Amino acid sequence: MGTAAGTTASLDPSFVPRFRNEVAFVPVADEALLYVEATGELHQLDAIGALTCQVFDGTTSIEAAAAQLADAFGAPRQQVQADVLAFAERLGGYGLLEGVTADDAVEHDDGPSDTEVADAPT
């Protein structure tokens, strides 16, 4: 699928994730928050989620990001790739990534939320 627009179900390892312009990455110690300026939504990330989001820069494919993370953690590349892909699909489902249509299953309300997206790749 590469960088073309699609649904979260169509993401594949060649997809190059990039956050939408209105999403701010806010580091907090070794974790992070994703803040959606337009809606006030907050998404809390654990340390691994924060690290993974740093390679969602619009130039690195999921496959390459997974290889970097697998090498850094000494983990099996296939498992890390599956985890990074699932994480990107989840973030895309929340409408946080460019080129991804948000899932209808992800509920959004009009006010600020404190949705945890901490089940990042391990």
Protein backbone atom coordinates (compact mmCIF):
# COMPACT_ATOMS: atom_id res chain seq x y z
CA MET A 1 0.00 0.00 0.00
CA GLY A 2 2.96 2.36 0.48
CA THR A 3 2.05 5.96 1.13
CA ALA A 4 -1.30 5.86 -0.68
CA ALA A 5 -4.48 6.50 1.28
CA GLY A 6 -6.41 3.53 2.56
CA THR A 7 -8.26 2.00 5.44
CA THR A 8 -6.51 0.46 8.40
CA ALA A 9 -7.39 -2.98 7.06
CA SER A 10 -5.28 -2.28 3.97
CA LEU A 11 -2.06 -1.26 5.71
CA ASP A 12 0.94 -3.40 4.87
CA PRO A 13 4.66 -3.34 5.73
CA SER A 14 5.43 -0.91 2.88
CA PHE A 15 3.15 1.75 4.41
CA VAL A 16 5.06 4.88 5.49
CA PRO A 17 3.31 6.23 8.60
CA ARG A 18 3.22 9.94 9.34
CA PHE A 19 1.12 11.77 11.88
CA ARG A 20 -1.49 14.24 10.69
CA ASN A 21 -0.43 17.88 11.03
CA GLU A 22 -2.85 18.47 13.89
CA VAL A 23 -1.31 15.68 16.00
CA ALA A 24 1.42 16.77 18.39
CA PHE A 25 3.90 14.27 19.85
CA VAL A 26 4.63 15.32 23.44
CA PRO A 27 7.41 13.40 25.23
CA VAL A 28 6.81 12.85 28.96
CA ALA A 29 9.80 11.17 30.64
CA ASP A 30 10.24 7.91 28.66
CA GLU A 31 6.59 7.86 27.60
CA ALA A 32 4.61 10.28 25.42
CA LEU A 33 1.25 11.80 24.66
CA LEU A 34 -0.32 12.31 21.27
CA TYR A 35 -2.38 15.48 21.41
CA VAL A 36 -4.95 16.26 18.74
CA GLU A 37 -5.09 20.05 18.74
CA ALA A 38 -8.45 20.38 16.96
CA THR A 39 -10.38 18.13 19.36
CA GLY A 40 -8.31 18.18 22.54
CA GLU A 41 -7.97 14.39 22.44
CA LEU A 42 -5.05 12.88 24.34
CA HIS A 43 -3.62 9.45 23.65
CA GLN A 44 -1.15 8.11 26.22
CA LEU A 45 1.76 6.00 24.98
CA ASP A 46 4.03 3.73 26.95
CA ALA A 47 7.80 3.83 26.43
CA ILE A 48 7.78 1.41 23.49
CA GLY A 49 4.85 3.22 21.87
CA ALA A 50 6.72 6.51 22.24
CA LEU A 51 9.85 5.03 20.67
CA THR A 52 7.85 3.51 17.83
CA CYS A 53 6.10 6.81 17.11
CA GLN A 54 9.47 8.51 16.67
CA VAL A 55 10.03 6.46 13.50
CA PHE A 56 6.58 7.35 12.14
CA ASP A 57 8.23 10.27 10.37
CA GLY A 58 6.82 10.02 6.86
CA THR A 59 10.07 8.61 5.44
CA THR A 60 10.39 5.21 7.14
CA SER A 61 8.21 2.26 6.14
CA ILE A 62 6.70 -0.02 8.74
CA GLU A 63 9.03 -2.74 7.51
CA ALA A 64 12.14 -0.56 8.01
CA ALA A 65 10.89 0.76 11.36
CA ALA A 66 10.30 -2.80 12.54
CA ALA A 67 13.80 -3.83 11.47
CA GLN A 68 15.31 -0.91 13.42
CA LEU A 69 13.30 -1.74 16.52
CA ALA A 70 13.99 -5.47 16.25
CA ASP A 71 17.71 -4.83 16.01
CA ALA A 72 17.61 -2.38 18.93
CA PHE A 73 15.75 -4.82 21.20
CA GLY A 74 17.20 -8.07 19.89
CA ALA A 75 13.70 -9.28 19.04
CA PRO A 76 12.47 -11.37 16.08
CA ARG A 77 11.84 -9.08 13.09
CA GLN A 78 8.65 -10.83 11.97
CA GLN A 79 7.05 -10.43 15.39
CA VAL A 80 8.13 -6.81 15.72
CA GLN A 81 6.85 -6.08 12.21
CA ALA A 82 3.46 -7.60 13.06
CA ASP A 83 3.34 -5.54 16.27
CA VAL A 84 4.34 -2.28 14.55
CA LEU A 85 1.79 -2.90 11.80
CA ALA A 86 -0.95 -3.53 14.39
CA PHE A 87 0.09 -0.38 16.28
CA ALA A 88 -0.04 1.71 13.08
CA GLU A 89 -3.46 0.25 12.31
CA ARG A 90 -4.67 1.22 15.77
CA LEU A 91 -3.32 4.77 15.47
CA GLY A 92 -4.82 4.99 12.00
CA GLY A 93 -8.11 3.81 13.42
CA TYR A 94 -8.04 6.77 15.77
CA GLY A 95 -7.52 9.05 12.77
CA LEU A 96 -3.99 10.06 13.82
CA LEU A 97 -2.08 9.07 10.68
CA GLU A 98 -2.05 10.70 7.26
CA GLY A 99 -3.36 8.59 4.42
CA VAL A 100 -5.45 6.34 6.66
CA THR A 101 -9.21 6.45 6.99
CA ALA A 102 -10.30 6.24 10.63
CA ASP A 103 -12.22 3.09 11.53
CA ASP A 104 -15.91 3.51 12.19
CA ALA A 105 -15.38 1.27 15.22
CA VAL A 106 -13.30 3.89 17.01
CA GLU A 107 -15.61 6.20 18.87
CA HIS A 108 -14.86 9.91 18.94
CA ASP A 109 -16.80 12.34 21.05
CA ASP A 110 -16.79 16.09 20.88
CA GLY A 111 -14.80 16.62 24.05
CA PRO A 112 -11.32 15.83 25.26
CA SER A 113 -10.53 12.20 25.87
CA ASP A 114 -7.88 10.30 27.74
CA THR A 115 -7.65 7.28 25.48
CA GLU A 116 -4.72 5.05 26.25
CA VAL A 117 -2.91 3.63 23.24
CA ALA A 118 -0.30 1.89 25.31
CA ASP A 119 -0.37 -1.52 23.68
CA ALA A 120 2.53 -0.66 21.43
CA PRO A 121 4.88 -3.23 19.91
CA THR A 122 6.82 -5.27 22.42
